[in-house]
Every structure is written in C-alpha cells, then in structure tokens.
Amino acid sequence: MHVLQFASWYPQNEVDVSGSFFQEFAKNLLDLGLKIGVLHAKFVDGVFNRNGGRSESAVFTNEDGLIVGRSTTRIRIPGPARRIAALERRDVRLRLQAGRILYDEYVAEHGIPDIIHAQACFWGGVIASKIANEEGVPLVVSAHSSVFGRGLVGRREWGLASSVWKGSEQNISVSRTNAKIICDMFNLPENAFQIVPNGIDSGQFTVTPTPSGPYKWICIGNLVENKRVDLLIDAMKKMPSEHNLVIIGDGPMRAKLTQQATELGDRVEFLGTVERGRVSQLLSQCHALVHPSEFETFGVVLVEAMMCGRPVVAMRCGGPEEIIGPDRGLLVENGNLGGLIDAMLITSERGWSAQTIANQARDLFDQRVVCERFQKIYSDVITRYDRRNG
C-alpha cells in the first residue's frame, strides 16, 4: 500500500520539533511495511524578503527510507489585505500551487499513491483535498488543530474547511469533543468522523520510580494564552513551600509569566525549548505533570508523562477527558483555580503506581497500535472508493 501524507507542519531539520508527531507517525507506518511519502509546503507570511524568507522550490530527501518533500513559499500579502477578495483568492492560489509542485515531482519519481492522508486542515488538508479530487485518489483527513474549538476560523477559512471535511472519504479526529465541534460547525452527520487517538512511540519513554526529594511538578507547552500557565503559577502560590515547578516551552507570554513567578523565587524554573530526546528524562525527574490548558484537541504531553509512569492533572478542555482515567490522574473543571489547587494537593498526597499508569498508557496509545488502526482505515477506504469508482 502506497500512502502519501500531506503534513500541515513538519520538522525542517533535526532540532525542529514542529510536526514531530507526523514524522514519527510516518516512520511507524514505514516500519509496518507500507510505502510512505510525506509532503510539506511551508508558508511564510510577510511582505519583506528577510532572514532567508525567499521562496524555495521542492526539495526531496530520503530520511531512513522515508521520502520527504519540502518547499517554502513566502506569501507577500499583509494579513488585513487578505480580506480583499482578489488578494484572498491569490493567497489560496499560491498555496495550492506550492502543493501541486510537490505532488507532481513526487509522483514523477515515486508513482501515484493509493491513498492521500492529510494531517490537519490548514493547509495540508486544503491542498490535499484539491489534488485528490483532481487526480481521483481517495482522501482521508485527520483533525489535529484547536482552531475550530477556539473560534479562530474566519469566513474564508470556513469555506475552505467545509470543502475539506465534506470532500474526504473518511474524517478522523483524535477526540470525540473535537469531532463534535467540527460536525456542529459544518453541519456534518454524527458519524462523519472515526475517533483515533494520537499514537506515541512508547519505546522513547522509560518507567522509573517516583523520585525522592521535594515534590516537583512539570508543565510542557507553548507559552501562549490558551495554555493558561498563568493560572498554574497562581496555583503554585498556594502549594506547600517544598513544591517546585519546571516549565518547558517558550512563547510570547514568557516574559510576563516570568515576572508573575518572581515571588516564588527558585521554586519555578523556566527551561525554554528543549530537545525532544530530553523530554522523557525531564518527566522522570518530576513527580507529576500539570496541564492547565483551556482547550486541547488531544494532549500528547499527557500521554508522554503517563508512559513515564507519572500521574497527570489537567483541565476538562476537550482532549484530556479521553486520556485521563482514575488510575492515571485527576481532571479539573476548565479554568477553575480552586479546583486546580485541590487536584494538585490531592495528587501530591496520593500514592500512584507508576507501572500501572505506564501500562494503561501503552495499551491505549502506543503508536504501533494506532498505526495498525490507520492501516485498516486506509484499506477500507481504498476498497470502498474502488467499488464506487471502478
């Protein structure tokens, strides 16, 4: 089976972690014996051609047997100007052209795929949907982004997304909550989505005993408003003085959050962005993960923590409800500071079985299990598509 993946974001080099899940997913499909290609058209917004922002034609590399095609296109249209219909159409046209160049060059060398899998709607799904329709190749689309649940989809994006979801042979969501949001938004039937969680490579994570010493929390995520790290810092001010917090990630709120944490002194440590290979080590050095985000389609870091045997405290914000069970952590009503404080105190005082947490996480979310489910979805979609069009 030949699967071509259009990734909406994807690592550009060894230190880039953007889209690393899509990379790992593709490599696991390759390990199952499938023929896999990955295409990623990167778009850089802005009028000025600075900092290496020139457009680049398709570049293909063989990465341990995985064929990856990348291109970079600078969209020279200021954001507000995209409300002008003609410029809006040009913006979309540029993106579709970039994807078409990648596809044509890939097919010329590696042949027509049996199926196209778009990872996220913008812009992988938009590009893949048009190509699949033009070329007569079945399409499946996975929903990953939180833009729909957070109300960040404008009029232009709404129309494009509607065509993607309605034109796909099979839509897939990482959580029921996210699927329902999209179905309600685009008037899709309840069975428009299959629910398949993100898969995690359990081999990258080792179960270790709970560390001794002062209780240490860990929080992993971009430092943006949606992640509500500000709420977590307020909660830390109510924790016992021996409780510490390590924050991994970076973003526009870092300076503000650092200032907010000043009175906690060295009890809060900001590590910034770390290499993906260090995540397991840092998780194992902590007692529990806390994830105060106000909206998540899934929550990969929650599963990674559990694969290390660490309990998780998270908000009821979409994805965590389908990840955290009673033996794996506690859920808090979204945005409730008092509830967060209580859950963190209870978690720190309760005895948890690291091995039980890790075993349950592997049974539910191991990447090989998830990839085998996708392999069946691909086979079913191809069969259905061929019967209808044969």
Protein backbone atom coordinates (compact mmCIF):
# COMPACT_ATOMS: atom_id res chain seq x y z
CA MET A 1 0.00 0.00 0.00
CA HIS A 2 1.32 3.41 -1.01
CA VAL A 3 0.30 6.27 1.31
CA LEU A 4 1.15 9.91 0.65
CA GLN A 5 0.89 12.19 3.68
CA PHE A 6 0.33 15.94 3.34
CA ALA A 7 1.50 17.42 6.63
CA SER A 8 0.33 20.88 7.67
CA TRP A 9 3.52 21.29 9.68
CA TYR A 10 6.64 19.16 9.73
CA PRO A 11 10.22 19.29 11.11
CA GLN A 12 12.59 21.25 8.87
CA ASN A 13 15.73 19.87 10.49
CA GLU A 14 16.95 17.68 13.38
CA VAL A 15 16.29 20.29 16.08
CA ASP A 16 12.87 21.40 14.82
CA VAL A 17 10.08 19.70 16.82
CA SER A 18 7.19 21.24 14.86
CA GLY A 19 5.15 18.37 13.48
CA SER A 20 7.42 15.74 15.03
CA PHE A 21 4.31 13.63 15.68
CA PHE A 22 3.60 13.47 11.92
CA GLN A 23 7.20 12.44 11.33
CA GLU A 24 7.05 9.65 13.91
CA PHE A 25 3.68 8.51 12.57
CA ALA A 26 5.05 8.23 9.03
CA LYS A 27 8.10 6.29 10.20
CA ASN A 28 5.92 3.83 12.09
CA LEU A 29 3.79 3.23 9.01
CA LEU A 30 7.03 2.59 7.13
CA ASP A 31 8.00 0.02 9.78
CA LEU A 32 4.67 -1.75 9.18
CA GLY A 33 5.74 -2.30 5.57
CA LEU A 34 3.78 0.48 3.87
CA LYS A 35 5.29 2.70 1.19
CA ILE A 36 5.20 6.22 2.62
CA GLY A 37 5.87 9.68 1.29
CA VAL A 38 5.48 12.98 3.14
CA LEU A 39 4.92 16.39 1.55
CA HIS A 40 5.06 19.66 3.45
CA ALA A 41 4.56 23.07 1.87
CA LYS A 42 5.69 25.68 4.37
CA PHE A 43 4.25 29.19 4.09
CA VAL A 44 5.98 32.28 5.46
CA ASP A 45 3.80 35.35 5.88
CA GLY A 46 5.12 38.84 5.27
CA VAL A 47 5.82 41.43 2.62
CA PHE A 48 9.56 41.76 3.12
CA ASN A 49 12.09 39.22 1.96
CA ARG A 50 14.30 38.94 5.03
CA ASN A 51 16.01 36.30 7.15
CA GLY A 52 16.17 33.70 4.43
CA GLY A 53 12.50 34.05 3.64
CA ARG A 54 12.73 33.61 -0.13
CA SER A 55 10.59 31.04 -1.83
CA GLU A 56 12.21 27.64 -2.36
CA SER A 57 11.20 25.03 -4.91
CA ALA A 58 10.57 21.44 -3.93
CA VAL A 59 13.44 19.66 -2.20
CA PHE A 60 13.26 15.91 -1.63
CA THR A 61 15.29 13.87 0.84
CA ASN A 62 15.42 10.23 1.80
CA GLU A 63 15.28 10.10 5.59
CA ASP A 64 15.92 6.48 6.64
CA GLY A 65 13.68 5.19 3.87
CA LEU A 66 11.04 7.89 4.27
CA ILE A 67 10.75 10.16 1.21
CA VAL A 68 10.09 13.73 2.35
CA GLY A 69 9.36 16.64 0.04
CA ARG A 70 9.57 20.19 1.38
CA SER A 71 9.07 23.63 -0.10
CA THR A 72 8.86 27.17 1.25
CA THR A 73 6.61 29.86 -0.19
CA ARG A 74 6.56 33.46 1.02
CA ILE A 75 3.04 34.84 0.96
CA ARG A 76 3.60 38.54 0.23
CA ILE A 77 0.14 39.71 1.24
CA PRO A 78 -0.31 41.64 4.51
CA GLY A 79 -2.86 40.00 6.80
CA PRO A 80 -5.59 42.70 6.62
CA ALA A 81 -5.26 42.85 2.82
CA ARG A 82 -6.42 39.24 2.58
CA ARG A 83 -9.94 40.46 3.24
CA ILE A 84 -9.89 41.84 -0.30
CA ALA A 85 -11.48 39.15 -2.46
CA ALA A 86 -8.92 39.22 -5.27
CA LEU A 87 -5.96 39.04 -2.86
CA GLU A 88 -7.70 36.35 -0.86
CA ARG A 89 -8.03 34.21 -3.96
CA ARG A 90 -4.38 34.86 -4.85
CA ASP A 91 -3.32 33.79 -1.36
CA VAL A 92 -5.11 30.47 -1.71
CA ARG A 93 -3.84 30.01 -5.26
CA LEU A 94 -0.21 30.41 -4.15
CA ARG A 95 -0.66 27.75 -1.51
CA LEU A 96 -2.34 25.32 -3.88
CA GLN A 97 0.37 25.85 -6.49
CA ALA A 98 3.09 25.05 -3.95
CA GLY A 99 1.35 21.82 -3.04
CA ARG A 100 0.81 20.86 -6.66
CA ILE A 101 4.53 21.31 -7.46
CA LEU A 102 5.43 18.99 -4.59
CA TYR A 103 2.86 16.40 -5.64
CA ASP A 104 3.82 16.36 -9.32
CA GLU A 105 7.52 15.98 -8.58
CA TYR A 106 6.83 13.24 -6.04
CA VAL A 107 4.60 11.25 -8.40
CA ALA A 108 7.06 11.58 -11.28
CA GLU A 109 9.67 9.81 -9.17
CA HIS A 110 7.65 7.52 -6.90
CA GLY A 111 4.35 6.87 -8.64
CA ILE A 112 0.70 7.64 -7.87
CA PRO A 113 -0.27 6.86 -4.25
CA ASP A 114 -3.11 4.51 -3.38
CA ILE A 115 -4.41 6.99 -0.84
CA ILE A 116 -3.65 10.52 0.41
CA HIS A 117 -3.71 11.30 4.13
CA ALA A 118 -3.94 14.98 5.06
CA GLN A 119 -2.69 15.82 8.53
CA ALA A 120 -4.76 18.81 9.74
CA CYS A 121 -6.99 21.03 7.63
CA PHE A 122 -4.76 24.09 7.13
CA TRP A 123 -3.00 23.93 4.82
CA GLY A 124 -2.26 20.27 4.25
CA GLY A 125 -5.93 19.35 4.08
CA VAL A 126 -6.87 22.17 1.72
CA ILE A 127 -4.06 21.28 -0.69
CA ALA A 128 -4.60 17.52 -0.46
CA SER A 129 -8.36 17.84 -0.97
CA LYS A 130 -7.96 19.65 -4.28
CA ILE A 131 -5.27 17.30 -5.57
CA ALA A 132 -7.16 14.16 -4.51
CA ASN A 133 -10.28 15.41 -6.30
CA GLU A 134 -8.39 16.28 -9.48
CA GLU A 135 -6.34 13.09 -9.57
CA GLY A 136 -9.00 10.61 -8.50
CA VAL A 137 -7.16 9.44 -5.38
CA PRO A 138 -9.10 8.64 -2.16
CA LEU A 139 -8.50 11.07 0.70
CA VAL A 140 -8.61 10.79 4.48
CA VAL A 141 -8.20 13.85 6.72
CA SER A 142 -7.14 13.95 10.36
CA ALA A 143 -8.26 16.82 12.61
CA HIS A 144 -5.47 17.96 14.94
CA SER A 145 -5.70 21.73 15.25
CA SER A 146 -7.59 23.54 18.02
CA VAL A 147 -8.56 26.47 15.74
CA PHE A 148 -12.12 25.20 15.34
CA GLY A 149 -12.77 24.76 19.04
CA ARG A 150 -11.19 28.13 19.86
CA GLY A 151 -13.30 30.04 17.35
CA LEU A 152 -10.31 31.10 15.23
CA VAL A 153 -11.79 30.18 11.84
CA GLY A 154 -12.79 33.18 9.72
CA ARG A 155 -15.15 33.37 6.76
CA ARG A 156 -12.50 32.44 4.20
CA GLU A 157 -11.18 29.55 6.28
CA TRP A 158 -14.71 28.32 6.99
CA GLY A 159 -15.45 27.83 3.30
CA LEU A 160 -12.16 26.07 2.63
CA ALA A 161 -12.51 23.80 5.65
CA SER A 162 -16.08 22.89 4.74
CA SER A 163 -14.87 21.61 1.35
CA VAL A 164 -12.14 19.57 3.03
CA TRP A 165 -14.37 17.83 5.57
CA LYS A 166 -17.19 17.19 3.09
CA GLY A 167 -14.86 16.01 0.32
CA SER A 168 -12.94 13.48 2.38
CA GLU A 169 -13.66 9.77 2.12
CA GLN A 170 -13.03 9.48 5.86
CA ASN A 171 -12.50 12.12 8.52
CA ILE A 172 -10.57 11.22 11.65
CA SER A 173 -10.35 13.04 14.96
CA VAL A 174 -8.14 12.49 17.96
CA SER A 175 -11.08 13.09 20.32
CA ARG A 176 -14.88 12.95 20.34
CA THR A 177 -15.04 16.51 21.59
CA ASN A 178 -13.11 17.87 18.63
CA ALA A 179 -15.15 15.77 16.20
CA LYS A 180 -18.42 17.11 17.62
CA ILE A 181 -17.21 20.71 17.37
CA ILE A 182 -16.37 20.28 13.68
CA CYS A 183 -19.59 18.36 12.93
CA ASP A 184 -21.69 21.07 14.56
CA MET A 185 -19.77 23.86 12.82
CA PHE A 186 -20.05 22.37 9.33
CA ASN A 187 -23.38 20.53 9.66
CA LEU A 188 -21.80 17.11 9.23
CA PRO A 189 -23.51 13.86 10.29
CA GLU A 190 -22.55 12.41 13.66
CA ASN A 191 -20.74 9.50 12.00
CA ALA A 192 -18.59 11.77 9.80
CA PHE A 193 -15.54 11.03 11.97
CA GLN A 194 -13.75 7.99 13.26
CA ILE A 195 -12.04 8.58 16.60
CA VAL A 196 -8.39 7.51 16.67
CA PRO A 197 -6.07 8.96 19.34
CA ASN A 198 -2.59 10.21 18.65
CA GLY A 199 -0.08 7.42 18.93
CA ILE A 200 3.11 7.77 20.95
CA ASP A 201 6.32 5.79 20.50
CA SER A 202 6.41 4.10 23.90
CA GLY A 203 9.98 2.98 23.26
CA GLN A 204 11.16 6.55 23.84
CA PHE A 205 9.84 6.58 27.40
CA THR A 206 11.09 4.61 30.39
CA VAL A 207 9.18 3.90 33.60
CA THR A 208 11.22 4.94 36.61
CA PRO A 209 10.43 5.01 40.33
CA THR A 210 8.98 8.18 41.76
CA PRO A 211 11.91 10.47 42.61
CA SER A 212 12.78 11.29 46.19
CA GLY A 213 13.11 14.81 47.49
CA PRO A 214 10.78 17.84 47.30
CA TYR A 215 7.66 17.43 45.17
CA LYS A 216 8.32 18.59 41.62
CA TRP A 217 5.67 19.42 39.04
CA ILE A 218 6.33 19.71 35.32
CA CYS A 219 4.40 21.68 32.70
CA ILE A 220 5.13 21.31 28.98
CA GLY A 221 3.71 23.52 26.24
CA ASN A 222 3.93 26.72 24.26
CA LEU A 223 3.78 29.80 26.44
CA VAL A 224 0.64 31.27 24.90
CA GLU A 225 -2.63 32.41 26.44
CA ASN A 226 -4.53 29.21 25.68
CA LYS A 227 -2.15 27.11 27.78
CA ARG A 228 -3.08 29.09 30.96
CA VAL A 229 0.32 28.77 32.59
CA ASP A 230 -0.61 31.98 34.41
CA LEU A 231 -3.32 30.02 36.24
CA LEU A 232 -0.78 27.36 37.17
CA ILE A 233 1.61 29.94 38.63
CA ASP A 234 -1.25 31.31 40.74
CA ALA A 235 -1.94 27.75 41.92
CA MET A 236 1.73 27.27 42.82
CA LYS A 237 1.46 30.21 45.21
CA LYS A 238 -0.98 28.08 47.24
CA MET A 239 1.12 24.93 47.20
CA PRO A 240 3.31 23.90 50.14
CA SER A 241 6.65 25.69 50.11
CA GLU A 242 8.52 22.48 49.27
CA HIS A 243 6.64 22.13 45.96
CA ASN A 244 8.56 23.16 42.83
CA LEU A 245 7.59 23.64 39.19
CA VAL A 246 9.56 23.14 35.97
CA ILE A 247 8.13 24.80 32.86
CA ILE A 248 9.26 23.58 29.44
CA GLY A 249 8.41 25.64 26.38
CA ASP A 250 8.66 29.13 25.02
CA GLY A 251 6.41 31.74 23.51
CA PRO A 252 5.14 35.32 23.63
CA MET A 253 3.99 35.10 27.26
CA ARG A 254 7.32 34.02 28.70
CA ALA A 255 8.40 37.46 29.97
CA LYS A 256 5.01 38.08 31.58
CA LEU A 257 4.94 34.65 33.20
CA THR A 258 8.49 35.03 34.48
CA GLN A 259 7.50 38.28 36.13
CA GLN A 260 4.39 36.68 37.63
CA ALA A 261 6.52 33.91 39.16
CA THR A 262 9.03 36.29 40.73
CA GLU A 263 7.68 35.95 44.27
CA LEU A 264 8.09 32.16 44.06
CA GLY A 265 11.83 32.55 43.62
CA ASP A 266 13.68 29.43 42.57
CA ARG A 267 10.57 27.28 43.13
CA VAL A 268 9.66 27.93 39.45
CA GLU A 269 12.19 27.20 36.72
CA PHE A 270 11.74 28.12 33.05
CA LEU A 271 13.79 25.80 30.83
CA GLY A 272 12.59 27.15 27.48
CA THR A 273 12.50 24.84 24.47
CA VAL A 274 14.34 21.55 24.96
CA GLU A 275 15.35 18.81 22.54
CA ARG A 276 12.68 16.18 22.18
CA GLY A 277 15.07 13.49 23.37
CA ARG A 278 15.28 15.17 26.79
CA VAL A 279 11.54 15.11 27.45
CA SER A 280 11.49 11.59 28.87
CA GLN A 281 14.42 12.35 31.18
CA LEU A 282 12.81 15.55 32.48
CA LEU A 283 9.46 13.82 33.03
CA SER A 284 11.14 11.06 35.02
CA GLN A 285 12.81 13.64 37.27
CA CYS A 286 9.40 15.01 38.28
CA HIS A 287 6.54 13.61 40.34
CA ALA A 288 3.58 14.65 38.17
CA LEU A 289 2.61 16.67 35.11
CA VAL A 290 0.12 19.53 35.33
CA HIS A 291 -1.61 20.79 32.19
CA PRO A 292 -3.86 23.82 32.74
CA SER A 293 -4.69 24.46 29.05
CA GLU A 294 -8.18 25.83 28.35
CA PHE A 295 -8.60 23.89 25.07
CA GLU A 296 -6.88 20.81 23.68
CA THR A 297 -7.88 18.57 20.80
CA PHE A 298 -5.84 15.79 22.42
CA GLY A 299 -2.80 16.37 24.63
CA VAL A 300 0.29 14.40 23.57
CA VAL A 301 2.35 15.52 26.58
CA LEU A 302 -0.22 13.94 28.91
CA VAL A 303 0.33 10.55 27.31
CA GLU A 304 4.11 11.00 27.33
CA ALA A 305 4.02 11.72 31.06
CA MET A 306 1.91 8.64 31.71
CA MET A 307 4.25 6.47 29.66
CA CYS A 308 6.92 7.51 32.16
CA GLY A 309 4.57 6.43 34.95
CA ARG A 310 3.67 9.94 36.06
CA PRO A 311 0.12 11.00 37.03
CA VAL A 312 -1.44 13.99 35.31
CA VAL A 313 -3.61 16.90 36.45
CA ALA A 314 -5.44 18.59 33.57
CA MET A 315 -8.49 20.68 32.75
CA ARG A 316 -11.66 19.27 31.22
CA CYS A 317 -10.93 21.05 27.96
CA GLY A 318 -11.65 18.55 25.20
CA GLY A 319 -8.85 16.02 24.81
CA PRO A 320 -7.79 15.23 28.39
CA GLU A 321 -11.17 13.72 29.27
CA GLU A 322 -10.44 10.87 26.84
CA ILE A 323 -6.90 10.35 28.15
CA ILE A 324 -7.01 10.57 31.94
CA GLY A 325 -8.61 7.73 33.86
CA PRO A 326 -8.98 7.39 37.65
CA ASP A 327 -5.71 5.46 37.94
CA ARG A 328 -3.80 7.94 35.78
CA GLY A 329 -4.60 11.37 37.24
CA LEU A 330 -7.27 13.94 38.02
CA LEU A 331 -9.44 16.27 35.92
CA VAL A 332 -10.40 19.83 36.88
CA GLU A 333 -13.27 21.99 35.67
CA ASN A 334 -11.90 24.26 32.98
CA GLY A 335 -10.36 27.48 34.30
CA ASN A 336 -11.18 26.71 37.94
CA LEU A 337 -8.25 27.89 40.05
CA GLY A 338 -9.61 26.45 43.28
CA GLY A 339 -10.21 23.11 41.61
CA LEU A 340 -6.69 23.12 40.22
CA ILE A 341 -5.21 23.79 43.66
CA ASP A 342 -7.27 20.99 45.22
CA ALA A 343 -6.38 18.50 42.48
CA MET A 344 -2.68 19.27 42.76
CA LEU A 345 -2.75 18.82 46.54
CA ILE A 346 -4.67 15.52 46.28
CA THR A 347 -2.32 14.25 43.57
CA SER A 348 0.77 15.09 45.61
CA GLU A 349 -0.56 13.25 48.66
CA ARG A 350 -1.86 10.14 46.90
CA GLY A 351 0.21 7.06 46.21
CA TRP A 352 0.33 6.24 42.48
CA SER A 353 1.52 3.09 40.75
CA ALA A 354 3.98 4.20 38.08
CA GLN A 355 3.83 0.83 36.36
CA THR A 356 0.01 0.77 36.26
CA ILE A 357 -0.07 4.26 34.73
CA ALA A 358 2.52 3.33 32.12
CA ASN A 359 0.88 0.00 31.22
CA GLN A 360 -2.50 1.63 30.68
CA ALA A 361 -0.96 4.37 28.54
CA ARG A 362 0.83 1.84 26.36
CA ASP A 363 -2.29 -0.29 25.89
CA LEU A 364 -4.30 2.72 24.75
CA PHE A 365 -1.86 4.99 22.95
CA ASP A 366 1.18 3.06 21.74
CA GLN A 367 1.99 4.24 18.24
CA ARG A 368 2.10 0.78 16.72
CA VAL A 369 -1.43 0.04 17.93
CA VAL A 370 -2.65 3.34 16.48
CA CYS A 371 -0.83 2.82 13.17
CA GLU A 372 -2.42 -0.61 12.77
CA ARG A 373 -5.82 1.04 13.13
CA PHE A 374 -4.89 3.53 10.42
CA GLN A 375 -3.72 0.72 8.17
CA LYS A 376 -7.20 -0.82 8.39
CA ILE A 377 -8.85 2.57 7.74
CA TYR A 378 -6.71 3.03 4.62
CA SER A 379 -7.60 -0.44 3.36
CA ASP A 380 -11.32 0.06 3.97
CA VAL A 381 -11.34 3.48 2.29
CA ILE A 382 -9.44 2.24 -0.78
CA THR A 383 -11.78 -0.72 -1.15
CA ARG A 384 -14.88 1.45 -0.80
CA TYR A 385 -13.51 4.06 -3.20
CA ASP A 386 -12.58 1.47 -5.86
CA ARG A 387 -16.01 -0.19 -5.69
CA ARG A 388 -17.75 3.12 -6.17
CA ASN A 389 -15.49 4.33 -8.97
CA GLY A 390 -14.47 1.06 -10.59
